[in-house]
């Protein structure tokens, strides 16, 4: 069993639609849901154990569940805002929000009815975990193996690679999209399609927004890149923000964005620290992520 297998074992732009259009779209979604998953959704993803792969052409051209908890505030929410507007306002807020400082990047994953999972990731790739059903049986556990890269959707990146990502939305998306074929993802139904490559890049963008220890400028660029992609659907106001549907590989993800704070309050898709992607079909998870100087008592 190698490092990543052991790590896995350690844890259990459209405008806002009219009311009529929203009702029709919702009915269509329910009808499709009742009919079972689509053929695309049945395509199975196999994750090869691979680190982040720097593609030379991209590296030469570019120098580089979930909630991020900022202290900033943005403008007031308007019911007439489109999904793109919501994401762009959230980007502006995230860009103005101080990053904070600390020794450890602390991630807390919570889901109603499930044990809380916590991770403390240090810049040199060492990390600690805590949670029922995880290694250490609910106590703080220092991972004893060699330093690990950070999971960004299907990609694996060191702290230095994360910090060198471009803060321009187009360059950022190109960097992530170009890296997907070299990430170790295999599709058992055949060669990866362009739509699947786009969807895997979207997973990476969502991870940068919600989990990864990137700069406020890169987080804002990730929001703007999501806003520029086709297929983002506004599902309406909900508690804590605007409920959006986003196209990801082999399906659709949902998230609640609060543009007033630059936070993703809840999400149905996220990237576990051990690599790969995770999703839930029965509710959503919340991910709090911030810098801290303290580990909890063992």
Protein backbone atom coordinates (compact mmCIF):
# COMPACT_ATOMS: atom_id res chain seq x y z
CA UNK A 1 0.00 0.00 0.00
CA UNK A 2 1.51 3.35 -1.01
CA UNK A 3 1.13 6.79 0.60
CA UNK A 4 -2.05 7.84 -1.17
CA UNK A 5 -3.77 4.50 -0.59
CA UNK A 6 -2.97 4.83 3.10
CA UNK A 7 -4.30 8.38 3.07
CA UNK A 8 -7.56 7.28 1.50
CA UNK A 9 -7.84 4.57 4.15
CA UNK A 10 -7.52 7.20 6.87
CA UNK A 11 -10.87 8.80 6.21
CA UNK A 12 -14.17 7.00 6.05
CA UNK A 13 -23.79 32.56 -17.65
CA UNK A 14 -27.03 32.73 -18.29
CA UNK A 15 -29.12 35.63 -17.04
CA UNK A 16 -31.57 34.99 -14.24
CA UNK A 17 -34.54 33.08 -15.75
CA UNK A 18 -38.10 34.25 -15.66
CA UNK A 19 -40.46 32.51 -13.26
CA UNK A 20 -41.95 30.51 -16.13
CA UNK A 21 -38.56 29.48 -17.44
CA UNK A 22 -37.40 28.52 -13.96
CA UNK A 23 -40.51 26.40 -13.39
CA UNK A 24 -40.09 24.64 -16.73
CA UNK A 25 -36.40 23.99 -16.16
CA UNK A 26 -37.02 22.64 -12.67
CA UNK A 27 -39.71 20.31 -14.00
CA UNK A 28 -37.33 19.07 -16.69
CA UNK A 29 -34.61 18.42 -14.13
CA UNK A 30 -37.01 16.47 -11.93
CA UNK A 31 -38.17 14.44 -14.93
CA UNK A 32 -34.59 13.58 -15.86
CA UNK A 33 -33.78 12.73 -12.25
CA UNK A 34 -36.74 10.35 -12.11
CA UNK A 35 -35.45 8.58 -15.19
CA UNK A 36 -32.09 7.74 -13.63
CA UNK A 37 -28.57 8.90 -14.44
CA UNK A 38 -27.62 9.88 -17.95
CA UNK A 39 -25.16 7.79 -19.99
CA UNK A 40 -22.55 10.48 -19.34
CA UNK A 41 -23.10 10.19 -15.59
CA UNK A 42 -22.43 6.46 -15.80
CA UNK A 43 -18.92 6.97 -17.13
CA UNK A 44 -16.65 5.92 -14.31
CA UNK A 45 -13.55 7.82 -13.30
CA UNK A 46 -10.45 5.91 -12.27
CA UNK A 47 -7.84 7.91 -10.37
CA UNK A 48 -4.22 6.96 -10.93
CA UNK A 49 -1.98 7.86 -8.05
CA UNK A 50 -0.11 10.78 -9.59
CA UNK A 51 1.22 14.11 -8.44
CA UNK A 52 0.47 17.40 -10.16
CA UNK A 53 2.09 17.27 -13.57
CA UNK A 54 3.56 20.47 -14.95
CA UNK A 55 3.07 20.56 -18.71
CA UNK A 56 6.20 22.18 -20.16
CA UNK A 57 4.37 24.31 -22.74
CA UNK A 58 2.02 25.67 -20.10
CA UNK A 59 4.73 26.10 -17.48
CA UNK A 60 6.77 28.12 -19.95
CA UNK A 61 3.83 30.33 -20.88
CA UNK A 62 2.31 30.81 -17.42
CA UNK A 63 4.17 31.45 -14.16
CA UNK A 64 2.32 29.23 -12.46
CA UNK A 65 -18.77 19.87 1.78
CA UNK A 66 -17.05 24.16 1.48
CA UNK A 67 -16.33 27.64 2.90
CA UNK A 68 -13.49 30.13 2.93
CA UNK A 69 -13.98 32.37 5.92
CA UNK A 70 -13.15 35.99 5.12
CA UNK A 71 -13.92 39.12 7.09
CA UNK A 72 -14.80 41.37 4.17
CA UNK A 73 -18.18 42.44 2.95
CA UNK A 74 -19.55 43.22 -0.48
CA UNK A 75 -22.61 44.89 -1.89
CA UNK A 76 -26.17 44.00 -1.03
CA UNK A 77 -27.84 41.12 -2.85
CA UNK A 78 -30.25 41.94 -5.65
CA UNK A 79 -32.90 39.44 -6.77
CA UNK A 80 -32.33 40.57 -10.38
CA UNK A 81 -28.67 39.52 -10.38
CA UNK A 82 -27.73 36.68 -12.74
CA UNK A 83 -25.55 33.76 -11.68
CA UNK A 84 -22.65 35.46 -13.46
CA UNK A 85 -23.26 38.69 -11.50
CA UNK A 86 -23.31 36.76 -8.22
CA UNK A 87 -19.96 35.11 -8.98
CA UNK A 88 -18.36 38.38 -10.12
CA UNK A 89 -19.45 40.21 -6.97
CA UNK A 90 -18.16 37.30 -4.87
CA UNK A 91 -14.85 37.56 -6.77
CA UNK A 92 -14.52 41.26 -5.98
CA UNK A 93 -15.25 40.58 -2.31
CA UNK A 94 -12.78 37.69 -2.13
CA UNK A 95 -10.09 39.82 -3.75
CA UNK A 96 -10.50 42.53 -1.08
CA UNK A 97 -10.54 40.07 1.81
CA UNK A 98 -7.25 39.79 3.75
CA UNK A 99 -5.76 36.33 3.51
CA UNK A 100 -4.65 36.02 7.09
CA UNK A 101 -1.49 34.29 8.25
CA UNK A 102 -0.42 31.24 10.18
CA UNK A 103 1.65 28.08 10.25
CA UNK A 104 -1.09 25.64 9.25
CA UNK A 105 -3.86 25.73 6.66
CA UNK A 106 -6.79 24.32 8.64
CA UNK A 107 -9.69 22.68 6.77
CA UNK A 108 -12.88 21.56 8.51
CA UNK A 109 -15.43 19.48 6.57
CA UNK A 110 -18.88 19.17 8.13
CA UNK A 111 -22.07 17.49 6.99
CA UNK A 112 -25.20 17.07 9.03
CA UNK A 113 -25.35 13.56 10.44
CA UNK A 114 -21.70 12.75 9.65
CA UNK A 115 -18.53 13.03 11.76
CA UNK A 116 -16.49 16.21 11.31
CA UNK A 117 -13.19 15.83 9.49
CA UNK A 118 -10.26 18.21 10.10
CA UNK A 119 -6.93 18.65 8.36
CA UNK A 120 -3.94 20.86 9.19
CA UNK A 121 -1.62 21.29 6.21
CA UNK A 122 1.82 22.86 6.58
CA UNK A 123 3.65 24.61 3.75
CA UNK A 124 6.26 21.87 3.55
CA UNK A 125 3.59 19.23 2.87
CA UNK A 126 3.35 17.72 6.35
CA UNK A 127 -0.14 17.41 7.76
CA UNK A 128 -2.29 16.28 10.68
CA UNK A 129 -5.80 14.86 10.71
CA UNK A 130 -8.56 14.50 13.28
CA UNK A 131 -12.02 12.95 13.18
CA UNK A 132 -14.06 9.91 14.13
CA UNK A 133 -13.46 7.07 11.73
CA UNK A 134 -10.13 8.56 10.63
CA UNK A 135 -6.64 7.48 11.58
CA UNK A 136 -6.18 8.27 15.27
CA UNK A 137 -9.79 7.38 16.13
CA UNK A 138 -10.89 10.96 16.81
CA UNK A 139 -7.57 12.15 18.24
CA UNK A 140 -5.08 14.43 16.52
CA UNK A 141 -2.89 12.26 14.31
CA UNK A 142 0.31 13.41 12.62
CA UNK A 143 0.65 11.72 9.28
CA UNK A 144 3.97 9.87 9.52
CA UNK A 145 4.73 9.49 5.82
CA UNK A 146 6.61 11.74 3.44
CA UNK A 147 5.18 15.22 2.70
CA UNK A 148 2.07 15.19 0.54
CA UNK A 149 0.91 17.55 -2.23
CA UNK A 150 -2.37 19.43 -1.97
CA UNK A 151 -5.42 18.07 -3.79
CA UNK A 152 -7.02 20.51 -6.25
CA UNK A 153 -9.85 18.52 -7.78
CA UNK A 154 -8.12 15.88 -9.94
CA UNK A 155 -4.76 17.66 -9.71
CA UNK A 156 -1.99 17.43 -7.11
CA UNK A 157 0.05 20.55 -6.34
CA UNK A 158 2.74 21.58 -3.90
CA UNK A 159 2.33 24.73 -1.85
CA UNK A 160 4.79 26.54 -4.13
CA UNK A 161 2.80 25.52 -7.22
CA UNK A 162 -0.41 26.75 -5.62
CA UNK A 163 1.15 30.11 -4.83
CA UNK A 164 2.48 30.52 -8.38
CA UNK A 165 -0.88 30.10 -10.13
CA UNK A 166 -1.84 33.05 -12.36
CA UNK A 167 -4.35 35.62 -11.10
CA UNK A 168 -5.87 36.15 -14.56
CA UNK A 169 -9.04 34.10 -15.10
CA UNK A 170 -8.22 33.00 -18.65
CA UNK A 171 -4.63 32.06 -17.85
CA UNK A 172 -5.77 30.24 -14.71
CA UNK A 173 -8.41 28.20 -16.53
CA UNK A 174 -5.98 27.37 -19.35
CA UNK A 175 -3.38 26.23 -16.83
CA UNK A 176 -5.80 23.91 -15.05
CA UNK A 177 -7.50 22.63 -18.23
CA UNK A 178 -4.15 21.86 -19.87
CA UNK A 179 -2.94 19.95 -16.81
CA UNK A 180 -5.96 17.62 -16.60
CA UNK A 181 -4.73 15.10 -19.23
CA UNK A 182 -1.47 14.65 -17.29
CA UNK A 183 -3.15 14.39 -13.89
CA UNK A 184 -3.49 10.61 -13.79
CA UNK A 185 -7.24 10.53 -14.48
CA UNK A 186 -8.38 7.62 -16.65
CA UNK A 187 -11.85 7.15 -18.10
CA UNK A 188 -12.83 3.48 -18.41
CA UNK A 189 -15.40 4.26 -21.12
CA UNK A 190 -12.75 5.49 -23.54
CA UNK A 191 -10.67 8.59 -24.23
CA UNK A 192 -11.47 11.71 -22.22
CA UNK A 193 -13.88 13.99 -24.07
CA UNK A 194 -13.54 17.76 -24.28
CA UNK A 195 -16.61 18.13 -22.05
CA UNK A 196 -15.09 15.82 -19.43
CA UNK A 197 -11.82 17.75 -19.54
CA UNK A 198 -13.78 20.98 -19.01
CA UNK A 199 -15.69 19.39 -16.13
CA UNK A 200 -12.51 18.22 -14.40
CA UNK A 201 -11.04 21.70 -14.77
CA UNK A 202 -14.21 23.03 -13.12
CA UNK A 203 -13.59 20.73 -10.14
CA UNK A 204 -10.16 22.32 -9.81
CA UNK A 205 -11.62 25.83 -9.95
CA UNK A 206 -14.14 25.00 -7.22
CA UNK A 207 -11.34 23.64 -5.05
CA UNK A 208 -9.35 26.87 -5.47
CA UNK A 209 -12.42 28.85 -4.40
CA UNK A 210 -13.31 26.77 -1.39
CA UNK A 211 -10.34 24.82 -0.04
CA UNK A 212 -6.89 25.62 -1.36
CA UNK A 213 -4.46 28.02 0.38
CA UNK A 214 -4.17 30.39 -2.59
CA UNK A 215 -3.90 34.18 -2.58
CA UNK A 216 -7.04 36.36 -2.61
CA UNK A 217 -6.17 37.33 -6.19
CA UNK A 218 -6.09 33.71 -7.39
CA UNK A 219 -9.31 32.89 -5.52
CA UNK A 220 -10.96 35.87 -7.22
CA UNK A 221 -9.65 34.68 -10.61
CA UNK A 222 -11.18 31.26 -9.95
CA UNK A 223 -14.58 32.86 -9.24
CA UNK A 224 -14.30 34.87 -12.47
CA UNK A 225 -13.30 31.80 -14.45
CA UNK A 226 -16.37 29.93 -13.18
CA UNK A 227 -18.52 32.95 -14.10
CA UNK A 228 -17.16 32.87 -17.65
CA UNK A 229 -17.91 29.19 -18.24
CA UNK A 230 -21.14 28.13 -19.97
CA UNK A 231 -23.68 26.00 -18.16
CA UNK A 232 -23.82 27.76 -14.77
CA UNK A 233 -27.49 27.86 -13.77
CA UNK A 234 -29.14 30.05 -11.15
CA UNK A 235 -31.42 27.93 -8.94
CA UNK A 236 -32.65 30.93 -6.96
CA UNK A 237 -32.23 32.45 -3.53
CA UNK A 238 -31.70 30.17 -0.56
CA UNK A 239 -30.64 30.50 3.04
CA UNK A 240 -27.20 32.09 3.12
CA UNK A 241 -26.90 33.12 -0.52
CA UNK A 242 -27.65 32.17 -4.11
CA UNK A 243 -28.00 28.53 -5.07
CA UNK A 244 -26.08 27.76 -8.28
CA UNK A 245 -25.68 24.64 -10.41
CA UNK A 246 -22.30 24.18 -12.08
CA UNK A 247 -21.23 21.72 -14.78
CA UNK A 248 -18.59 19.27 -13.57
CA UNK A 249 -17.26 16.04 -15.04
CA UNK A 250 -19.90 13.30 -15.25
CA UNK A 251 -22.71 15.34 -13.77
CA UNK A 252 -23.64 18.62 -12.15
CA UNK A 253 -22.63 20.11 -8.82
CA UNK A 254 -24.44 22.66 -6.71
CA UNK A 255 -23.18 25.32 -4.36
CA UNK A 256 -24.51 28.19 -2.29
CA UNK A 257 -22.57 31.42 -2.90
CA UNK A 258 -22.82 34.43 -0.60
CA UNK A 259 -21.49 37.27 -2.70
CA UNK A 260 -21.69 39.65 0.28
CA UNK A 261 -18.87 37.75 2.03
CA UNK A 262 -17.14 36.03 -0.90
CA UNK A 263 -17.93 32.64 0.62
CA UNK A 264 -19.20 29.34 -0.69
CA UNK A 265 -21.47 28.41 2.18
CA UNK A 266 -22.28 24.87 1.03
CA UNK A 267 -21.28 22.61 -1.85
CA UNK A 268 -22.07 19.15 -3.16
CA UNK A 269 -18.59 18.60 -4.64
CA UNK A 270 -15.14 18.95 -3.08
CA UNK A 271 -11.57 17.63 -3.23
CA UNK A 272 -10.40 15.42 -0.35
CA UNK A 273 -6.83 16.10 0.74
CA UNK A 274 -5.88 12.59 -0.34
CA UNK A 275 -6.70 13.36 -3.97
CA UNK A 276 -9.53 12.79 -6.39
CA UNK A 277 -13.01 14.24 -6.06
CA UNK A 278 -15.96 13.67 -3.74
CA UNK A 279 -19.64 14.45 -4.00
CA UNK A 280 -22.84 13.97 -2.07
CA UNK A 281 -26.34 13.37 -3.38
CA UNK A 282 -28.14 13.72 -0.05
CA UNK A 283 -27.42 17.26 1.07
CA UNK A 284 -24.29 19.35 0.93
CA UNK A 285 -21.15 19.86 2.97
CA UNK A 286 -19.62 22.96 4.49
CA UNK A 287 -15.88 23.52 4.35
CA UNK A 288 -14.23 26.13 6.56
CA UNK A 289 -10.63 26.91 5.64
CA UNK A 290 -8.25 29.40 7.27
CA UNK A 291 -4.70 29.92 8.47
CA UNK A 292 -3.93 29.18 12.10
CA UNK A 293 -0.86 28.94 14.31
CA UNK A 294 -2.29 26.28 16.60
CA UNK A 295 -2.82 22.55 16.52
CA UNK A 296 -5.40 21.19 18.96
CA UNK A 297 -4.23 19.11 21.94
CA UNK A 298 -3.49 15.49 21.08
